[in-house]
C-alpha atoms as a PDB file:
ATOM      1  CA  UNK A   1      -0.056   0.028  -0.208  1.00  0.00           C
ATOM      2  CA  UNK A   2       0.671   4.070  -1.057  1.00  0.00           C
ATOM      3  CA  UNK A   3       1.759   5.556   1.740  1.00  0.00           C
ATOM      4  CA  UNK A   4      -0.496   9.168   0.222  1.00  0.00           C
ATOM      5  CA  UNK A   5       0.660  12.102   2.682  1.00  0.00           C
ATOM      6  CA  UNK A   6      -1.928  14.119   1.327  1.00  0.00           C
ATOM      7  CA  UNK A   7      -3.996  11.484   3.142  1.00  0.00           C
ATOM      8  CA  UNK A   8      -2.876  11.399   5.931  1.00  0.00           C
ATOM      9  CA  UNK A   9      -3.166  14.699   6.617  1.00  0.00           C
ATOM     10  CA  UNK A  10      -5.827  15.185   5.527  1.00  0.00           C
ATOM     11  CA  UNK A  11      -6.866  13.045   8.213  1.00  0.00           C
ATOM     12  CA  UNK A  12      -5.090  14.579  10.468  1.00  0.00           C
ATOM     13  CA  UNK A  13      -6.888  18.026  10.180  1.00  0.00           C
ATOM     14  CA  UNK A  14      -9.481  16.880  10.557  1.00  0.00           C
ATOM     15  CA  UNK A  15      -8.898  14.978  14.295  1.00  0.00           C
ATOM     16  CA  UNK A  16      -7.308  18.272  15.938  1.00  0.00           C
ATOM     17  CA  UNK A  17     -10.043  20.162  14.748  1.00  0.00           C
ATOM     18  CA  UNK A  18     -11.797  17.528  16.784  1.00  0.00           C
ATOM     19  CA  UNK A  19     -10.548  17.608  19.024  1.00  0.00           C
ATOM     20  CA  UNK A  20      -9.998  21.760  18.763  1.00  0.00           C
ATOM     21  CA  UNK A  21     -13.575  22.219  18.846  1.00  0.00           C
ATOM     22  CA  UNK A  22     -14.322  19.564  21.661  1.00  0.00           C
ATOM     23  CA  UNK A  23     -11.575  21.292  24.119  1.00  0.00           C
ATOM     24  CA  UNK A  24     -12.641  23.925  23.718  1.00  0.00           C
ATOM     25  CA  UNK A  25     -16.153  22.895  24.548  1.00  0.00           C
ATOM     26  CA  UNK A  26     -14.852  21.020  27.610  1.00  0.00           C
ATOM     27  CA  UNK A  27     -13.363  24.826  28.548  1.00  0.00           C
ATOM     28  CA  UNK A  28     -16.303  27.218  28.300  1.00  0.00           C
ATOM     29  CA  UNK A  29     -18.525  24.531  29.989  1.00  0.00           C
ATOM     30  CA  UNK A  30     -16.567  24.500  32.956  1.00  0.00           C
ATOM     31  CA  UNK A  31     -15.773  28.848  33.083  1.00  0.00           C
ATOM     32  CA  UNK A  32     -20.111  28.957  32.548  1.00  0.00           C
ATOM     33  CA  UNK A  33     -20.126  26.360  35.409  1.00  0.00           C
ATOM     34  CA  UNK A  34     -18.141  28.076  37.996  1.00  0.00           C
ATOM     35  CA  UNK A  35     -20.186  30.979  37.786  1.00  0.00           C
ATOM     36  CA  UNK A  36     -22.577  32.331  38.998  1.00  0.00           C
ATOM     37  CA  UNK A  37     -25.628  32.916  36.489  1.00  0.00           C
ATOM     38  CA  UNK A  38     -24.280  32.946  32.825  1.00  0.00           C
ATOM     39  CA  UNK A  39     -21.527  35.047  31.694  1.00  0.00           C
ATOM     40  CA  UNK A  40     -21.469  36.634  28.327  1.00  0.00           C
ATOM     41  CA  UNK A  41     -17.621  36.140  28.508  1.00  0.00           C
ATOM     42  CA  UNK A  42     -16.797  33.108  27.815  1.00  0.00           C
ATOM     43  CA  UNK A  43     -19.608  32.552  25.801  1.00  0.00           C
ATOM     44  CA  UNK A  44     -18.805  35.139  23.146  1.00  0.00           C
ATOM     45  CA  UNK A  45     -14.860  33.852  23.524  1.00  0.00           C
ATOM     46  CA  UNK A  46     -15.850  29.932  22.832  1.00  0.00           C
ATOM     47  CA  UNK A  47     -17.767  31.174  20.014  1.00  0.00           C
ATOM     48  CA  UNK A  48     -14.724  33.253  18.860  1.00  0.00           C
ATOM     49  CA  UNK A  49     -12.511  30.741  19.413  1.00  0.00           C
ATOM     50  CA  UNK A  50     -14.547  27.115  17.246  1.00  0.00           C
ATOM     51  CA  UNK A  51     -15.058  30.355  14.448  1.00  0.00           C
ATOM     52  CA  UNK A  52     -11.269  30.370  14.112  1.00  0.00           C
ATOM     53  CA  UNK A  53     -10.491  26.763  14.171  1.00  0.00           C
ATOM     54  CA  UNK A  54     -13.811  26.573  11.340  1.00  0.00           C
ATOM     55  CA  UNK A  55     -11.782  28.548   9.468  1.00  0.00           C
ATOM     56  CA  UNK A  56      -8.480  27.681  10.373  1.00  0.00           C
ATOM     57  CA  UNK A  57      -9.460  23.792   9.310  1.00  0.00           C
ATOM     58  CA  UNK A  58     -11.265  24.704   6.491  1.00  0.00           C
ATOM     59  CA  UNK A  59      -8.190  26.824   4.441  1.00  0.00           C
ATOM     60  CA  UNK A  60      -6.107  23.616   5.806  1.00  0.00           C
ATOM     61  CA  UNK A  61      -8.641  21.082   3.265  1.00  0.00           C
ATOM     62  CA  UNK A  62      -7.894  23.581   0.680  1.00  0.00           C
ATOM     63  CA  UNK A  63      -4.471  23.471   0.800  1.00  0.00           C
ATOM     64  CA  UNK A  64      -4.901  19.964   0.819  1.00  0.00           C
ATOM     65  CA  UNK A  65      -7.262  19.660  -1.972  1.00  0.00           C
ATOM     66  CA  UNK A  66      -4.850  22.820  -4.523  1.00  0.00           C
ATOM     67  CA  UNK A  67      -2.337  20.232  -3.635  1.00  0.00           C
ATOM     68  CA  UNK A  68      -3.505  17.021  -4.554  1.00  0.00           C
ATOM     69  CA  UNK A  69      -5.210  18.736  -7.032  1.00  0.00           C
ATOM     70  CA  UNK A  70      -1.914  20.000  -8.436  1.00  0.00           C
ATOM     71  CA  UNK A  71      -0.530  16.198  -8.115  1.00  0.00           C
ATOM     72  CA  UNK A  72      -3.075  14.786 -10.374  1.00  0.00           C
ATOM     73  CA  UNK A  73      -2.368  17.328 -13.208  1.00  0.00           C
ATOM     74  CA  UNK A  74       1.165  17.127 -12.780  1.00  0.00           C
ATOM     75  CA  UNK A  75       0.440  13.657 -12.942  1.00  0.00           C
ATOM     76  CA  UNK A  76      -1.510  13.613 -16.455  1.00  0.00           C
ATOM     77  CA  UNK A  77       0.819  16.104 -18.015  1.00  0.00           C
ATOM     78  CA  UNK A  78       4.086  12.968 -17.593  1.00  0.00           C
ATOM     79  CA  UNK A  79       0.966  10.902 -18.947  1.00  0.00           C
ATOM     80  CA  UNK A  80       0.324  13.186 -21.897  1.00  0.00           C
ATOM     81  CA  UNK A  81       4.512  13.457 -22.902  1.00  0.00           C
ATOM     82  CA  UNK A  82       5.605  10.225 -22.829  1.00  0.00           C
ATOM     83  CA  UNK A  83       5.631   8.604 -25.975  1.00  0.00           C
ATOM     84  CA  UNK A  84       3.165   5.442 -26.509  1.00  0.00           C
ATOM     85  CA  UNK A  85       4.356   2.478 -26.723  1.00  0.00           C
ATOM     86  CA  UNK A  86       4.734   0.734 -29.483  1.00  0.00           C
ATOM     87  CA  UNK A  87       1.560  -1.081 -30.764  1.00  0.00           C
ATOM     88  CA  UNK A  88       2.257  -4.720 -32.437  1.00  0.00           C
ATOM     89  CA  UNK A  89       0.892  -5.713 -35.206  1.00  0.00           C
ATOM     90  CA  UNK A  90      -2.899  -7.597 -35.068  1.00  0.00           C
ATOM     91  CA  UNK A  91      -2.415  -9.755 -38.231  1.00  0.00           C
ATOM     92  CA  UNK A  92       0.922 -10.783 -39.161  1.00  0.00           C
ATOM     93  CA  UNK A  93       3.359  -9.958 -41.614  1.00  0.00           C
ATOM     94  CA  UNK A  94       1.931 -12.892 -44.732  1.00  0.00           C
ATOM     95  CA  UNK A  95      -1.191 -13.052 -43.095  1.00  0.00           C
ATOM     96  CA  UNK A  96      -2.531  -9.239 -45.603  1.00  0.00           C
ATOM     97  CA  UNK A  97      -1.551 -11.200 -48.138  1.00  0.00           C
ATOM     98  CA  UNK A  98      -3.103 -14.827 -48.154  1.00  0.00           C
ATOM     99  CA  UNK A  99      -6.995 -11.918 -47.312  1.00  0.00           C
ATOM    100  CA  UNK A 100      -9.365 -12.584 -49.940  1.00  0.00           C
ATOM    101  CA  UNK A 101      -9.038  -9.161 -52.718  1.00  0.00           C
ATOM    102  CA  UNK A 102     -13.461  -9.487 -53.279  1.00  0.00           C
ATOM    103  CA  UNK A 103     -15.776  -9.334 -50.629  1.00  0.00           C
ATOM    104  CA  UNK A 104     -18.127 -11.758 -52.003  1.00  0.00           C
ATOM    105  CA  UNK A 105     -15.543 -14.803 -50.781  1.00  0.00           C
ATOM    106  CA  UNK A 106     -15.546 -14.161 -47.451  1.00  0.00           C
ATOM    107  CA  UNK A 107     -17.077 -15.323 -45.110  1.00  0.00           C
ATOM    108  CA  UNK A 108     -20.497 -13.831 -43.024  1.00  0.00           C
ATOM    109  CA  UNK A 109     -20.094 -12.201 -40.225  1.00  0.00           C
ATOM    110  CA  UNK A 110     -22.550 -14.208 -36.672  1.00  0.00           C
ATOM    111  CA  UNK A 111     -23.729 -10.934 -34.427  1.00  0.00           C
ATOM    112  CA  UNK A 112     -22.288 -12.003 -30.416  1.00  0.00           C
ATOM    113  CA  UNK A 113     -26.542 -11.477 -29.603  1.00  0.00           C
ATOM    114  CA  UNK A 114     -28.115 -13.261 -31.870  1.00  0.00           C
ATOM    115  CA  UNK A 115     -28.037 -14.377 -35.577  1.00  0.00           C
ATOM    116  CA  UNK A 116     -29.837 -11.670 -37.198  1.00  0.00           C
ATOM    117  CA  UNK A 117     -27.773  -8.708 -38.505  1.00  0.00           C
ATOM    118  CA  UNK A 118     -26.898  -5.620 -36.956  1.00  0.00           C
ATOM    119  CA  UNK A 119     -28.461  -2.356 -38.546  1.00  0.00           C
ATOM    120  CA  UNK A 120     -25.065   0.148 -37.739  1.00  0.00           C
ATOM    121  CA  UNK A 121     -26.525   3.066 -40.077  1.00  0.00           C
ATOM    122  CA  UNK A 122     -30.394   4.046 -41.390  1.00  0.00           C
ATOM    123  CA  UNK A 123     -30.745   7.159 -43.262  1.00  0.00           C
END
């Protein structure tokens, strides 16, 4: 199995996001539990922290996606620039001379799915 760095980096970003989100929710819950009443500052800071965490995770995921697309494009360009492999002839050198010259001399080709001839085009 080939190790794909970009896939593992994307998984790492998701893991860090989940750990950060859980720790942020836990920190806000602890601050609210310790305070008397519902203080607005820990909730506001928790929302700002969550927004920053989401933005950082989205930016990292976007960079991973761009790098993955660039790598696929580079691989496609490499495939386009390599010369195609030589095609071997289907028939040997003497077989083409042994073929009959007239169409009537050839045996009819049977259809693969049924015995009816296949219609290629209609006018």
